[in-house]
């Protein structure tokens, strides 16, 4: 199940998993974007920050395939500017989309992932906290904070869920050439240097998943272009 499957990284996950024959549940806020994605899978339409949507997405996967073996949270939102420029509405939205949505998704998916492990599977749940979780960045303080919280949540939750055979993975690539920074909730993006290729980032993450890695820090993506 890929949450944010029509975004820059989410769509790349969808394409690469599909090419390997995975049975996908594709979560998105937009039915039109999902249709235009051109990747086969069960459609799960809704805003993951809203009550009951995470459970609905998991049920979509179970109804389509009878099981759930992996979850990727690729939803995200960003904002730029000095601290005094952020409204409470933007601060709340950054938290809801980047962090709380993943908490709700993981809570909803845990019973199904645990069932996969009990049946001999190797279930995983992947978050993308990004390099700002390692190096909080001025002009992006609230975004850095919620991404750091996302990473911390994964560390603690991973210790709990490993007892049920569920592997939590967090990836922290550097700036990646998606359109996220072009549509901020507030402010304007600074002049970033050329970023990483979404295709290469996802290829590296899939390699890590296949190898059983549990943590993909920014250094894991060194040398990619």
N, C-alpha and C. Protein backbone atom coordinates (compact mmCIF):
# COMPACT_ATOMS: atom_id res chain seq x y z
N UNK A 1 0.85 -1.19 0.00
CA UNK A 1 0.00 0.00 0.00
C UNK A 1 0.88 1.24 0.00
N UNK A 2 0.67 2.10 -0.98
CA UNK A 2 1.48 3.31 -1.11
C UNK A 2 0.58 4.52 -0.86
N UNK A 3 0.86 5.24 0.21
CA UNK A 3 0.13 6.47 0.52
C UNK A 3 0.87 7.63 -0.15
N UNK A 4 0.13 8.46 -0.88
CA UNK A 4 0.78 9.51 -1.65
C UNK A 4 1.33 8.97 -2.96
N UNK A 5 0.58 8.06 -3.57
CA UNK A 5 1.09 7.34 -4.74
C UNK A 5 1.16 8.17 -6.01
N UNK A 6 0.60 9.37 -6.00
CA UNK A 6 0.66 10.21 -7.20
C UNK A 6 1.68 11.34 -7.05
N UNK A 7 2.40 11.38 -5.94
CA UNK A 7 3.44 12.38 -5.74
C UNK A 7 4.73 12.00 -6.44
N UNK A 8 5.74 12.83 -6.26
CA UNK A 8 7.00 12.63 -6.97
C UNK A 8 7.68 11.31 -6.64
N UNK A 9 7.80 11.00 -5.36
CA UNK A 9 8.39 9.72 -4.97
C UNK A 9 7.35 8.60 -4.97
N UNK A 10 6.14 8.90 -4.54
CA UNK A 10 5.10 7.88 -4.49
C UNK A 10 4.83 7.27 -5.85
N UNK A 11 4.78 8.09 -6.88
CA UNK A 11 4.53 7.57 -8.22
C UNK A 11 5.69 6.71 -8.70
N UNK A 12 6.89 7.07 -8.30
CA UNK A 12 8.05 6.26 -8.68
C UNK A 12 8.04 4.92 -7.95
N UNK A 13 7.64 4.93 -6.68
CA UNK A 13 7.46 3.66 -5.97
C UNK A 13 6.43 2.79 -6.69
N UNK A 14 5.32 3.41 -7.08
CA UNK A 14 4.25 2.66 -7.75
C UNK A 14 4.76 2.03 -9.03
N UNK A 15 5.48 2.79 -9.83
CA UNK A 15 5.97 2.26 -11.10
C UNK A 15 6.97 1.13 -10.89
N UNK A 16 7.90 1.32 -9.96
CA UNK A 16 8.94 0.31 -9.78
C UNK A 16 8.39 -0.96 -9.13
N UNK A 17 7.51 -0.82 -8.14
CA UNK A 17 6.90 -2.01 -7.55
C UNK A 17 6.04 -2.73 -8.58
N UNK A 18 5.30 -1.98 -9.39
CA UNK A 18 4.45 -2.59 -10.40
C UNK A 18 5.28 -3.38 -11.40
N UNK A 19 6.44 -2.83 -11.78
CA UNK A 19 7.30 -3.51 -12.76
C UNK A 19 7.84 -4.82 -12.22
N UNK A 20 7.85 -4.96 -10.88
CA UNK A 20 8.30 -6.19 -10.26
C UNK A 20 7.14 -7.14 -9.93
N UNK A 21 5.95 -6.77 -10.35
CA UNK A 21 4.81 -7.65 -10.19
C UNK A 21 4.07 -7.53 -8.89
N UNK A 22 4.32 -6.48 -8.12
CA UNK A 22 3.64 -6.31 -6.84
C UNK A 22 2.16 -6.01 -7.06
N UNK A 23 1.33 -6.49 -6.14
CA UNK A 23 -0.09 -6.17 -6.13
C UNK A 23 -0.26 -4.94 -5.25
N UNK A 24 -0.67 -3.84 -5.84
CA UNK A 24 -0.62 -2.54 -5.18
C UNK A 24 -1.98 -2.02 -4.77
N UNK A 25 -1.99 -1.35 -3.64
CA UNK A 25 -3.10 -0.48 -3.26
C UNK A 25 -2.56 0.94 -3.30
N UNK A 26 -3.18 1.78 -4.11
CA UNK A 26 -2.65 3.11 -4.39
C UNK A 26 -3.51 4.16 -3.71
N UNK A 27 -2.95 4.82 -2.72
CA UNK A 27 -3.66 5.85 -1.97
C UNK A 27 -3.36 7.23 -2.52
N UNK A 28 -4.40 8.03 -2.71
CA UNK A 28 -4.24 9.38 -3.24
C UNK A 28 -5.45 10.22 -2.85
N UNK A 29 -5.26 11.52 -2.82
CA UNK A 29 -6.39 12.41 -2.61
C UNK A 29 -7.14 12.71 -3.91
N UNK A 30 -6.57 12.31 -5.04
CA UNK A 30 -7.14 12.68 -6.34
C UNK A 30 -7.37 11.46 -7.22
N UNK A 31 -8.63 11.19 -7.54
CA UNK A 31 -8.96 10.10 -8.45
C UNK A 31 -8.42 10.37 -9.85
N UNK A 32 -8.43 11.63 -10.28
CA UNK A 32 -7.94 11.97 -11.61
C UNK A 32 -6.45 11.71 -11.72
N UNK A 33 -5.69 12.14 -10.72
CA UNK A 33 -4.25 11.90 -10.76
C UNK A 33 -3.94 10.41 -10.72
N UNK A 34 -4.72 9.68 -9.96
CA UNK A 34 -4.50 8.24 -9.87
C UNK A 34 -4.79 7.57 -11.21
N UNK A 35 -5.83 8.02 -11.88
CA UNK A 35 -6.15 7.49 -13.20
C UNK A 35 -5.04 7.79 -14.20
N UNK A 36 -4.47 8.99 -14.09
CA UNK A 36 -3.41 9.39 -15.02
C UNK A 36 -2.07 8.74 -14.71
N UNK A 37 -1.96 8.15 -13.53
CA UNK A 37 -0.69 7.51 -13.15
C UNK A 37 -0.37 6.34 -14.07
N UNK A 38 -1.40 5.62 -14.50
CA UNK A 38 -1.18 4.53 -15.43
C UNK A 38 -0.58 3.29 -14.81
N UNK A 39 -0.79 3.10 -13.51
CA UNK A 39 -0.28 1.92 -12.80
C UNK A 39 -1.48 1.14 -12.26
N UNK A 40 -1.48 -0.15 -12.49
CA UNK A 40 -2.59 -0.98 -12.04
C UNK A 40 -2.55 -1.18 -10.53
N UNK A 41 -3.72 -1.18 -9.92
CA UNK A 41 -3.81 -1.42 -8.49
C UNK A 41 -5.18 -1.07 -7.97
N UNK A 42 -5.43 -1.44 -6.73
CA UNK A 42 -6.67 -1.06 -6.08
C UNK A 42 -6.60 0.41 -5.70
N UNK A 43 -7.65 1.16 -6.02
CA UNK A 43 -7.67 2.60 -5.77
C UNK A 43 -8.22 2.91 -4.39
N UNK A 44 -7.49 3.73 -3.64
CA UNK A 44 -7.93 4.18 -2.33
C UNK A 44 -7.88 5.70 -2.33
N UNK A 45 -9.05 6.34 -2.43
CA UNK A 45 -9.11 7.79 -2.56
C UNK A 45 -9.55 8.41 -1.24
N UNK A 46 -8.78 9.40 -0.79
CA UNK A 46 -9.15 10.10 0.43
C UNK A 46 -7.97 10.86 1.00
N UNK A 47 -8.26 11.72 1.97
CA UNK A 47 -7.26 12.53 2.66
C UNK A 47 -6.81 11.78 3.90
N UNK A 48 -5.58 11.30 3.89
CA UNK A 48 -5.10 10.44 4.97
C UNK A 48 -5.09 11.13 6.32
N UNK A 49 -5.19 12.45 6.36
CA UNK A 49 -5.21 13.15 7.64
C UNK A 49 -6.60 13.15 8.28
N UNK A 50 -7.60 12.68 7.56
CA UNK A 50 -8.96 12.73 8.07
C UNK A 50 -9.32 11.43 8.80
N UNK A 51 -10.20 11.52 9.81
CA UNK A 51 -10.55 10.34 10.60
C UNK A 51 -11.11 9.21 9.73
N UNK A 52 -10.65 8.00 9.99
CA UNK A 52 -11.18 6.82 9.32
C UNK A 52 -10.58 6.51 7.96
N UNK A 53 -9.83 7.44 7.38
CA UNK A 53 -9.30 7.20 6.04
C UNK A 53 -8.21 6.13 6.06
N UNK A 54 -7.35 6.15 7.05
CA UNK A 54 -6.30 5.13 7.12
C UNK A 54 -6.91 3.74 7.19
N UNK A 55 -7.93 3.59 8.01
CA UNK A 55 -8.61 2.29 8.12
C UNK A 55 -9.28 1.91 6.80
N UNK A 56 -9.84 2.91 6.12
CA UNK A 56 -10.47 2.66 4.83
C UNK A 56 -9.45 2.17 3.80
N UNK A 57 -8.27 2.77 3.79
CA UNK A 57 -7.23 2.37 2.85
C UNK A 57 -6.80 0.92 3.12
N UNK A 58 -6.60 0.58 4.39
CA UNK A 58 -6.22 -0.79 4.73
C UNK A 58 -7.31 -1.76 4.31
N UNK A 59 -8.56 -1.41 4.53
CA UNK A 59 -9.66 -2.28 4.13
C UNK A 59 -9.71 -2.46 2.62
N UNK A 60 -9.36 -1.42 1.89
CA UNK A 60 -9.31 -1.52 0.43
C UNK A 60 -8.29 -2.58 0.01
N UNK A 61 -7.13 -2.56 0.66
CA UNK A 61 -6.10 -3.57 0.36
C UNK A 61 -6.56 -4.97 0.70
N UNK A 62 -7.16 -5.11 1.86
CA UNK A 62 -7.62 -6.44 2.29
C UNK A 62 -8.74 -6.96 1.41
N UNK A 63 -9.66 -6.09 1.01
CA UNK A 63 -10.75 -6.51 0.14
C UNK A 63 -10.24 -6.91 -1.24
N UNK A 64 -9.17 -6.24 -1.68
CA UNK A 64 -8.64 -6.53 -3.02
C UNK A 64 -7.79 -7.79 -3.04
N UNK A 65 -6.98 -7.99 -1.99
CA UNK A 65 -5.96 -9.04 -2.04
C UNK A 65 -6.00 -10.02 -0.87
N UNK A 66 -6.75 -9.70 0.16
CA UNK A 66 -6.84 -10.59 1.30
C UNK A 66 -5.70 -10.49 2.28
N UNK A 67 -4.74 -9.62 2.01
CA UNK A 67 -3.59 -9.47 2.91
C UNK A 67 -2.88 -8.15 2.62
N UNK A 68 -1.99 -7.78 3.54
CA UNK A 68 -1.19 -6.57 3.38
C UNK A 68 0.21 -6.87 3.89
N UNK A 69 1.20 -6.73 3.01
CA UNK A 69 2.57 -7.12 3.34
C UNK A 69 3.54 -5.94 3.46
N UNK A 70 3.12 -4.77 3.04
CA UNK A 70 4.02 -3.62 3.12
C UNK A 70 3.27 -2.32 2.97
N UNK A 71 3.77 -1.29 3.63
CA UNK A 71 3.16 0.03 3.56
C UNK A 71 4.26 1.07 3.35
N UNK A 72 4.04 1.97 2.42
CA UNK A 72 4.96 3.08 2.17
C UNK A 72 4.20 4.38 2.35
N UNK A 73 4.76 5.26 3.18
CA UNK A 73 4.13 6.56 3.40
C UNK A 73 4.93 7.62 2.65
N UNK A 74 4.43 7.98 1.47
CA UNK A 74 5.11 8.95 0.62
C UNK A 74 4.35 10.27 0.54
N UNK A 75 3.35 10.45 1.40
CA UNK A 75 2.64 11.73 1.45
C UNK A 75 3.51 12.78 2.13
N UNK A 76 3.38 14.01 1.71
CA UNK A 76 4.19 15.06 2.34
C UNK A 76 3.74 16.44 1.93
N UNK A 77 4.10 17.42 2.76
CA UNK A 77 3.85 18.83 2.46
C UNK A 77 4.99 19.62 3.07
N UNK A 78 5.35 20.73 2.45
CA UNK A 78 6.47 21.54 2.91
C UNK A 78 6.05 23.00 2.97
N UNK A 79 6.79 23.77 3.76
CA UNK A 79 6.58 25.22 3.83
C UNK A 79 7.93 25.87 4.09
N UNK A 80 8.06 27.12 3.67
CA UNK A 80 9.32 27.84 3.80
C UNK A 80 9.07 29.19 4.47
N UNK A 81 10.11 29.72 5.10
CA UNK A 81 10.03 31.04 5.68
C UNK A 81 10.55 31.08 7.10
N UNK A 82 10.77 32.29 7.61
CA UNK A 82 11.21 32.45 8.98
C UNK A 82 10.08 32.07 9.92
N UNK A 83 10.41 31.75 11.16
CA UNK A 83 9.44 31.23 12.11
C UNK A 83 8.24 32.18 12.27
N UNK A 84 8.48 33.47 12.27
CA UNK A 84 7.40 34.43 12.47
C UNK A 84 6.40 34.49 11.33
N UNK A 85 6.71 33.84 10.22
CA UNK A 85 5.84 33.91 9.05
C UNK A 85 4.85 32.75 8.97
N UNK A 86 4.96 31.77 9.88
CA UNK A 86 4.10 30.58 9.81
C UNK A 86 2.80 30.81 10.59
N UNK A 87 1.69 30.59 9.95
CA UNK A 87 0.41 30.64 10.65
C UNK A 87 0.18 29.32 11.38
N UNK A 88 -0.73 29.34 12.35
CA UNK A 88 -1.07 28.09 13.04
C UNK A 88 -1.66 27.07 12.07
N UNK A 89 -2.39 27.54 11.08
CA UNK A 89 -2.99 26.64 10.11
C UNK A 89 -1.91 25.89 9.33
N UNK A 90 -0.86 26.58 8.95
CA UNK A 90 0.24 25.92 8.24
C UNK A 90 0.98 24.96 9.15
N UNK A 91 1.22 25.37 10.38
CA UNK A 91 1.90 24.49 11.33
C UNK A 91 1.10 23.21 11.55
N UNK A 92 -0.22 23.35 11.70
CA UNK A 92 -1.07 22.17 11.89
C UNK A 92 -1.03 21.27 10.66
N UNK A 93 -1.09 21.87 9.48
CA UNK A 93 -1.09 21.07 8.25
C UNK A 93 0.22 20.31 8.07
N UNK A 94 1.34 20.95 8.39
CA UNK A 94 2.63 20.26 8.29
C UNK A 94 2.66 19.03 9.19
N UNK A 95 2.15 19.17 10.41
CA UNK A 95 2.11 18.05 11.34
C UNK A 95 1.17 16.95 10.84
N UNK A 96 -0.01 17.34 10.41
CA UNK A 96 -1.01 16.36 10.00
C UNK A 96 -0.54 15.53 8.81
N UNK A 97 0.00 16.19 7.81
CA UNK A 97 0.36 15.48 6.57
C UNK A 97 1.65 14.68 6.75
N UNK A 98 2.65 15.29 7.34
CA UNK A 98 3.96 14.65 7.38
C UNK A 98 4.12 13.62 8.49
N UNK A 99 3.41 13.79 9.59
CA UNK A 99 3.69 12.96 10.76
C UNK A 99 2.46 12.23 11.26
N UNK A 100 1.41 12.95 11.60
CA UNK A 100 0.26 12.30 12.20
C UNK A 100 -0.42 11.33 11.24
N UNK A 101 -0.41 11.66 9.95
CA UNK A 101 -0.98 10.75 8.97
C UNK A 101 -0.29 9.39 8.96
N UNK A 102 1.02 9.41 9.16
CA UNK A 102 1.77 8.14 9.23
C UNK A 102 1.45 7.39 10.51
N UNK A 103 1.30 8.09 11.60
CA UNK A 103 0.93 7.43 12.85
C UNK A 103 -0.40 6.70 12.70
N UNK A 104 -1.37 7.36 12.10
CA UNK A 104 -2.68 6.75 11.90
C UNK A 104 -2.60 5.57 10.94
N UNK A 105 -1.83 5.73 9.87
CA UNK A 105 -1.69 4.66 8.89
C UNK A 105 -1.05 3.42 9.51
N UNK A 106 0.02 3.63 10.27
CA UNK A 106 0.71 2.49 10.87
C UNK A 106 -0.18 1.80 11.89
N UNK A 107 -0.90 2.58 12.68
CA UNK A 107 -1.84 1.99 13.64
C UNK A 107 -2.87 1.12 12.92
N UNK A 108 -3.42 1.62 11.83
CA UNK A 108 -4.44 0.89 11.10
C UNK A 108 -3.89 -0.36 10.43
N UNK A 109 -2.63 -0.29 9.98
CA UNK A 109 -2.05 -1.39 9.21
C UNK A 109 -1.43 -2.48 10.08
N UNK A 110 -1.14 -2.17 11.34
CA UNK A 110 -0.40 -3.11 12.18
C UNK A 110 -1.03 -4.50 12.27
N UNK A 111 -2.34 -4.64 12.51
CA UNK A 111 -2.89 -6.00 12.60
C UNK A 111 -2.68 -6.81 11.32
N UNK A 112 -2.83 -6.19 10.16
CA UNK A 112 -2.64 -6.90 8.90
C UNK A 112 -1.18 -7.25 8.66
N UNK A 113 -0.28 -6.33 9.00
CA UNK A 113 1.14 -6.61 8.86
C UNK A 113 1.57 -7.72 9.81
N UNK A 114 1.05 -7.72 11.02
CA UNK A 114 1.36 -8.77 11.98
C UNK A 114 0.84 -10.12 11.48
N UNK A 115 -0.32 -10.11 10.84
CA UNK A 115 -0.87 -11.35 10.28
C UNK A 115 0.03 -11.86 9.16
N UNK A 116 0.57 -10.95 8.35
CA UNK A 116 1.50 -11.34 7.30
C UNK A 116 2.72 -12.03 7.89
N UNK A 117 3.26 -11.45 8.97
CA UNK A 117 4.43 -12.05 9.62
C UNK A 117 4.10 -13.43 10.18
N UNK A 118 2.92 -13.57 10.79
CA UNK A 118 2.51 -14.85 11.36
C UNK A 118 2.37 -15.93 10.30
N UNK A 119 2.09 -15.52 9.06
CA UNK A 119 1.95 -16.45 7.95
C UNK A 119 3.28 -16.71 7.25
N UNK A 120 4.37 -16.21 7.82
CA UNK A 120 5.69 -16.45 7.25
C UNK A 120 6.21 -15.35 6.34
N UNK A 121 5.48 -14.23 6.27
CA UNK A 121 5.92 -13.12 5.44
C UNK A 121 6.98 -12.28 6.13
N UNK A 122 7.43 -11.26 5.42
CA UNK A 122 8.43 -10.31 5.95
C UNK A 122 7.90 -8.90 5.79
N UNK A 123 6.86 -8.55 6.52
CA UNK A 123 6.20 -7.26 6.32
C UNK A 123 7.08 -6.08 6.74
N UNK A 124 6.87 -4.97 6.04
CA UNK A 124 7.62 -3.76 6.34
C UNK A 124 6.70 -2.55 6.30
N UNK A 125 7.15 -1.48 6.92
CA UNK A 125 6.46 -0.19 6.87
C UNK A 125 7.53 0.88 6.73
N UNK A 126 7.46 1.66 5.67
CA UNK A 126 8.51 2.61 5.31
C UNK A 126 8.03 4.04 5.42
N UNK A 127 8.81 4.88 6.11
CA UNK A 127 8.58 6.32 6.15
C UNK A 127 9.76 7.02 5.48
N UNK A 128 9.56 8.28 5.12
CA UNK A 128 10.58 9.08 4.44
C UNK A 128 10.75 10.39 5.20
N UNK A 129 11.57 10.36 6.25
CA UNK A 129 11.73 11.59 7.03
C UNK A 129 12.68 12.58 6.35
N UNK A 130 13.59 12.08 5.52
CA UNK A 130 14.46 12.98 4.76
C UNK A 130 15.63 13.52 5.56
N UNK A 131 16.52 14.17 4.86
CA UNK A 131 17.77 14.65 5.46
C UNK A 131 17.53 15.70 6.54
N UNK A 132 16.40 16.42 6.50
CA UNK A 132 16.16 17.45 7.52
C UNK A 132 15.97 16.84 8.90
N UNK A 133 15.66 15.54 8.96
CA UNK A 133 15.58 14.88 10.27
C UNK A 133 16.95 14.73 10.90
N UNK A 134 17.99 14.74 10.08
CA UNK A 134 19.37 14.68 10.56
C UNK A 134 19.98 16.07 10.70
N UNK A 135 19.61 16.97 9.81
CA UNK A 135 20.19 18.31 9.78
C UNK A 135 19.08 19.35 9.65
N UNK A 136 18.41 19.70 10.77
CA UNK A 136 17.34 20.71 10.72
C UNK A 136 17.84 21.99 10.06
N UNK A 137 16.98 22.57 9.23
CA UNK A 137 17.42 23.62 8.32
C UNK A 137 16.72 24.94 8.61
N UNK A 138 17.49 26.02 8.76
CA UNK A 138 16.91 27.35 8.94
C UNK A 138 16.05 27.70 7.73
N UNK A 139 14.94 28.39 8.00
CA UNK A 139 14.00 28.71 6.94
C UNK A 139 13.03 27.58 6.67
N UNK A 140 13.27 26.45 7.34
CA UNK A 140 12.38 25.28 7.23
C UNK A 140 12.22 24.64 8.61
N UNK A 141 12.22 25.47 9.66
CA UNK A 141 12.23 24.94 11.03
C UNK A 141 11.02 24.06 11.33
N UNK A 142 9.79 24.48 11.04
CA UNK A 142 8.65 23.61 11.33
C UNK A 142 8.68 22.31 10.52
N UNK A 143 9.06 22.38 9.26
CA UNK A 143 9.17 21.18 8.43
C UNK A 143 10.24 20.26 9.00
N UNK A 144 11.37 20.83 9.40
CA UNK A 144 12.43 20.02 10.02
C UNK A 144 11.92 19.34 11.28
N UNK A 145 11.12 20.07 12.06
CA UNK A 145 10.62 19.54 13.33
C UNK A 145 9.68 18.36 13.13
N UNK A 146 8.73 18.49 12.20
CA UNK A 146 7.77 17.40 12.02
C UNK A 146 8.43 16.19 11.37
N UNK A 147 9.43 16.42 10.55
CA UNK A 147 10.15 15.30 9.96
C UNK A 147 11.04 14.61 11.00
N UNK A 148 11.61 15.39 11.90
CA UNK A 148 12.36 14.79 13.00
C UNK A 148 11.46 13.95 13.89
N UNK A 149 10.24 14.45 14.13
CA UNK A 149 9.27 13.69 14.91
C UNK A 149 8.88 12.41 14.19
N UNK A 150 8.74 12.48 12.88
CA UNK A 150 8.43 11.29 12.08
C UNK A 150 9.51 10.22 12.27
N UNK A 151 10.76 10.66 12.23
CA UNK A 151 11.86 9.71 12.42
C UNK A 151 11.85 9.13 13.84
N UNK A 152 11.69 9.98 14.83
CA UNK A 152 11.69 9.51 16.22
C UNK A 152 10.55 8.52 16.48
N UNK A 153 9.40 8.82 15.92
CA UNK A 153 8.27 7.91 16.06
C UNK A 153 8.62 6.54 15.50
N UNK A 154 9.26 6.52 14.35
CA UNK A 154 9.62 5.25 13.73
C UNK A 154 10.62 4.45 14.54
N UNK A 155 11.57 5.14 15.16
CA UNK A 155 12.55 4.44 15.99
C UNK A 155 11.86 3.74 17.16
N UNK A 156 10.99 4.49 17.85
CA UNK A 156 10.31 3.91 19.02
C UNK A 156 9.30 2.85 18.60
N UNK A 157 8.49 3.15 17.58
CA UNK A 157 7.49 2.19 17.13
C UNK A 157 8.13 0.93 16.58
N UNK A 158 9.29 1.08 15.95
CA UNK A 158 9.98 -0.08 15.42
C UNK A 158 10.39 -1.06 16.50
N UNK A 159 10.75 -0.54 17.65
CA UNK A 159 11.12 -1.40 18.77
C UNK A 159 9.93 -2.19 19.28
N UNK A 160 8.75 -1.58 19.21
CA UNK A 160 7.54 -2.28 19.61
C UNK A 160 7.14 -3.34 18.58
N UNK A 161 7.14 -2.94 17.32
CA UNK A 161 6.56 -3.78 16.28
C UNK A 161 7.45 -4.92 15.85
N UNK A 162 8.74 -4.83 16.13
CA UNK A 162 9.60 -5.96 15.75
C UNK A 162 9.23 -7.22 16.50
N UNK A 163 8.60 -7.07 17.67
CA UNK A 163 8.14 -8.25 18.40
C UNK A 163 7.03 -8.97 17.64
N UNK A 164 6.36 -8.26 16.75
CA UNK A 164 5.31 -8.86 15.94
C UNK A 164 5.81 -9.22 14.54
N UNK A 165 7.11 -9.10 14.34
CA UNK A 165 7.69 -9.46 13.06
C UNK A 165 7.56 -8.40 11.99
N UNK A 166 7.28 -7.15 12.40
CA UNK A 166 7.12 -6.05 11.44
C UNK A 166 8.39 -5.20 11.45
N UNK A 167 8.95 -4.99 10.27
CA UNK A 167 10.16 -4.18 10.15
C UNK A 167 9.80 -2.76 9.74
N UNK A 168 10.15 -1.80 10.59
CA UNK A 168 9.99 -0.39 10.25
C UNK A 168 11.29 0.13 9.65
N UNK A 169 11.14 0.89 8.58
CA UNK A 169 12.29 1.43 7.86
C UNK A 169 12.08 2.92 7.68
N UNK A 170 13.13 3.70 7.93
CA UNK A 170 13.06 5.14 7.67
C UNK A 170 14.16 5.51 6.68
N UNK A 171 13.79 6.27 5.65
CA UNK A 171 14.75 6.71 4.64
C UNK A 171 14.91 8.22 4.73
N UNK A 172 16.16 8.68 4.62
CA UNK A 172 16.46 10.10 4.78
C UNK A 172 17.32 10.63 3.63
N UNK A 173 16.81 10.52 2.39
CA UNK A 173 17.57 11.07 1.27
C UNK A 173 17.65 12.58 1.35
N UNK A 174 18.65 13.13 0.69
CA UNK A 174 18.74 14.57 0.57
C UNK A 174 17.71 15.13 -0.40
N UNK A 175 17.84 16.42 -0.69
CA UNK A 175 16.89 17.07 -1.60
C UNK A 175 16.76 16.27 -2.89
N UNK A 176 15.52 15.97 -3.24
CA UNK A 176 15.22 15.14 -4.41
C UNK A 176 14.37 15.95 -5.38
N UNK A 177 14.60 15.73 -6.66
CA UNK A 177 13.95 16.54 -7.69
C UNK A 177 12.49 16.11 -7.93
N UNK A 178 11.65 16.39 -6.95
CA UNK A 178 10.21 16.24 -7.12
C UNK A 178 9.60 17.64 -7.18
N UNK A 179 8.28 17.71 -7.33
CA UNK A 179 7.62 19.02 -7.40
C UNK A 179 7.12 19.49 -6.04
N UNK A 180 7.48 18.77 -4.96
CA UNK A 180 6.99 19.15 -3.64
C UNK A 180 7.34 20.59 -3.30
N UNK A 181 8.58 20.99 -3.54
CA UNK A 181 9.02 22.33 -3.16
C UNK A 181 8.40 23.42 -4.03
N UNK A 182 7.80 23.01 -5.17
CA UNK A 182 7.16 23.99 -6.05
C UNK A 182 5.75 24.35 -5.61
N UNK A 183 5.22 23.58 -4.66
CA UNK A 183 3.85 23.81 -4.19
C UNK A 183 3.81 23.83 -2.67
N UNK A 184 4.56 24.76 -2.06
CA UNK A 184 4.61 24.81 -0.59
C UNK A 184 3.31 25.33 0.01
N UNK A 185 3.07 24.97 1.25
CA UNK A 185 1.92 25.51 1.97
C UNK A 185 2.10 26.98 2.29
N UNK A 186 3.34 27.43 2.36
CA UNK A 186 3.64 28.84 2.63
C UNK A 186 5.06 29.13 2.16
N UNK A 187 5.31 30.39 1.82
CA UNK A 187 6.66 30.81 1.44
C UNK A 187 7.06 30.33 0.07
N UNK A 188 8.33 30.56 -0.24
CA UNK A 188 8.89 30.15 -1.53
C UNK A 188 10.17 29.37 -1.29
N UNK A 189 10.41 28.39 -2.10
CA UNK A 189 11.60 27.56 -1.95
C UNK A 189 12.86 28.36 -2.24
N UNK A 190 13.92 28.15 -1.46
CA UNK A 190 15.20 28.78 -1.79
C UNK A 190 15.78 28.14 -3.04
N UNK A 191 16.89 28.66 -3.48
CA UNK A 191 17.56 28.10 -4.67
C UNK A 191 18.35 26.86 -4.26
N UNK A 192 17.70 25.72 -4.28
CA UNK A 192 18.37 24.48 -3.94
C UNK A 192 19.37 24.10 -5.04
N UNK A 193 20.47 23.47 -4.68
CA UNK A 193 21.32 22.87 -5.71
C UNK A 193 20.58 21.71 -6.37
N UNK A 194 21.10 21.23 -7.47
CA UNK A 194 20.47 20.10 -8.16
C UNK A 194 20.29 18.94 -7.19
N UNK A 195 19.10 18.36 -7.19
CA UNK A 195 18.78 17.31 -6.25
C UNK A 195 18.97 15.91 -6.83
N UNK A 196 18.61 14.94 -6.03
CA UNK A 196 18.73 13.55 -6.43
C UNK A 196 17.61 13.16 -7.39
N UNK A 197 17.87 12.16 -8.18
CA UNK A 197 16.87 11.62 -9.08
C UNK A 197 15.86 10.78 -8.30
N UNK A 198 14.55 11.05 -8.42
CA UNK A 198 13.56 10.21 -7.75
C UNK A 198 13.71 8.73 -8.10
N UNK A 199 14.01 8.45 -9.36
CA UNK A 199 14.18 7.06 -9.79
C UNK A 199 15.32 6.39 -9.03
N UNK A 200 16.45 7.09 -8.91
CA UNK A 200 17.60 6.52 -8.22
C UNK A 200 17.34 6.37 -6.72
N UNK A 201 16.65 7.35 -6.13
CA UNK A 201 16.32 7.27 -4.70
C UNK A 201 15.45 6.05 -4.43
N UNK A 202 14.43 5.86 -5.24
CA UNK A 202 13.53 4.73 -5.03
C UNK A 202 14.25 3.41 -5.30
N UNK A 203 15.09 3.36 -6.31
CA UNK A 203 15.87 2.15 -6.56
C UNK A 203 16.71 1.79 -5.35
N UNK A 204 17.34 2.79 -4.73
CA UNK A 204 18.17 2.53 -3.55
C UNK A 204 17.31 2.05 -2.38
N UNK A 205 16.14 2.62 -2.20
CA UNK A 205 15.28 2.20 -1.11
C UNK A 205 14.80 0.77 -1.33
N UNK A 206 14.42 0.44 -2.55
CA UNK A 206 13.99 -0.93 -2.84
C UNK A 206 15.12 -1.93 -2.60
N UNK A 207 16.34 -1.55 -2.94
CA UNK A 207 17.48 -2.42 -2.64
C UNK A 207 17.59 -2.65 -1.13
N UNK A 208 17.39 -1.58 -0.35
CA UNK A 208 17.45 -1.70 1.10
C UNK A 208 16.36 -2.59 1.65
N UNK A 209 15.15 -2.46 1.09
CA UNK A 209 14.05 -3.30 1.53
C UNK A 209 14.35 -4.77 1.25
N UNK A 210 14.86 -5.04 0.07
CA UNK A 210 15.17 -6.42 -0.31
C UNK A 210 16.30 -6.99 0.54
N UNK A 211 17.22 -6.12 0.98
CA UNK A 211 18.37 -6.58 1.76
C UNK A 211 18.07 -6.67 3.25
N UNK A 212 16.87 -6.27 3.65
CA UNK A 212 16.52 -6.33 5.06
C UNK A 212 17.01 -5.17 5.89
N UNK A 213 17.39 -4.07 5.26
CA UNK A 213 17.87 -2.91 6.01
C UNK A 213 16.72 -2.27 6.79
N UNK A 214 17.07 -1.67 7.93
CA UNK A 214 16.07 -1.04 8.79
C UNK A 214 16.23 0.47 8.85
N UNK A 215 17.34 0.98 8.33
CA UNK A 215 17.58 2.42 8.39
C UNK A 215 18.38 2.83 7.18
N UNK A 216 17.94 3.89 6.51
CA UNK A 216 18.62 4.39 5.32
C UNK A 216 18.92 5.87 5.53
N UNK A 217 20.02 6.18 6.23
CA UNK A 217 20.38 7.58 6.47
C UNK A 217 20.81 8.27 5.19
N UNK A 218 21.03 9.57 5.30
CA UNK A 218 21.37 10.34 4.09
C UNK A 218 22.59 9.80 3.39
N UNK A 219 23.55 9.28 4.15
CA UNK A 219 24.76 8.74 3.55
C UNK A 219 24.49 7.56 2.65
N UNK A 220 23.36 6.89 2.83
CA UNK A 220 23.00 5.75 1.98
C UNK A 220 22.75 6.18 0.54
N UNK A 221 22.48 7.47 0.35
CA UNK A 221 22.14 7.96 -0.96
C UNK A 221 23.30 8.75 -1.60
N UNK A 222 24.45 8.73 -0.96
CA UNK A 222 25.62 9.44 -1.48
C UNK A 222 26.01 8.88 -2.84
N UNK A 223 26.33 9.76 -3.74
CA UNK A 223 26.79 9.34 -5.06
C UNK A 223 25.67 9.16 -6.06
N UNK A 224 24.41 9.22 -5.61
CA UNK A 224 23.31 9.14 -6.56
C UNK A 224 23.14 10.48 -7.26
N UNK A 225 22.59 10.44 -8.46
CA UNK A 225 22.35 11.68 -9.20
C UNK A 225 20.98 11.63 -9.86
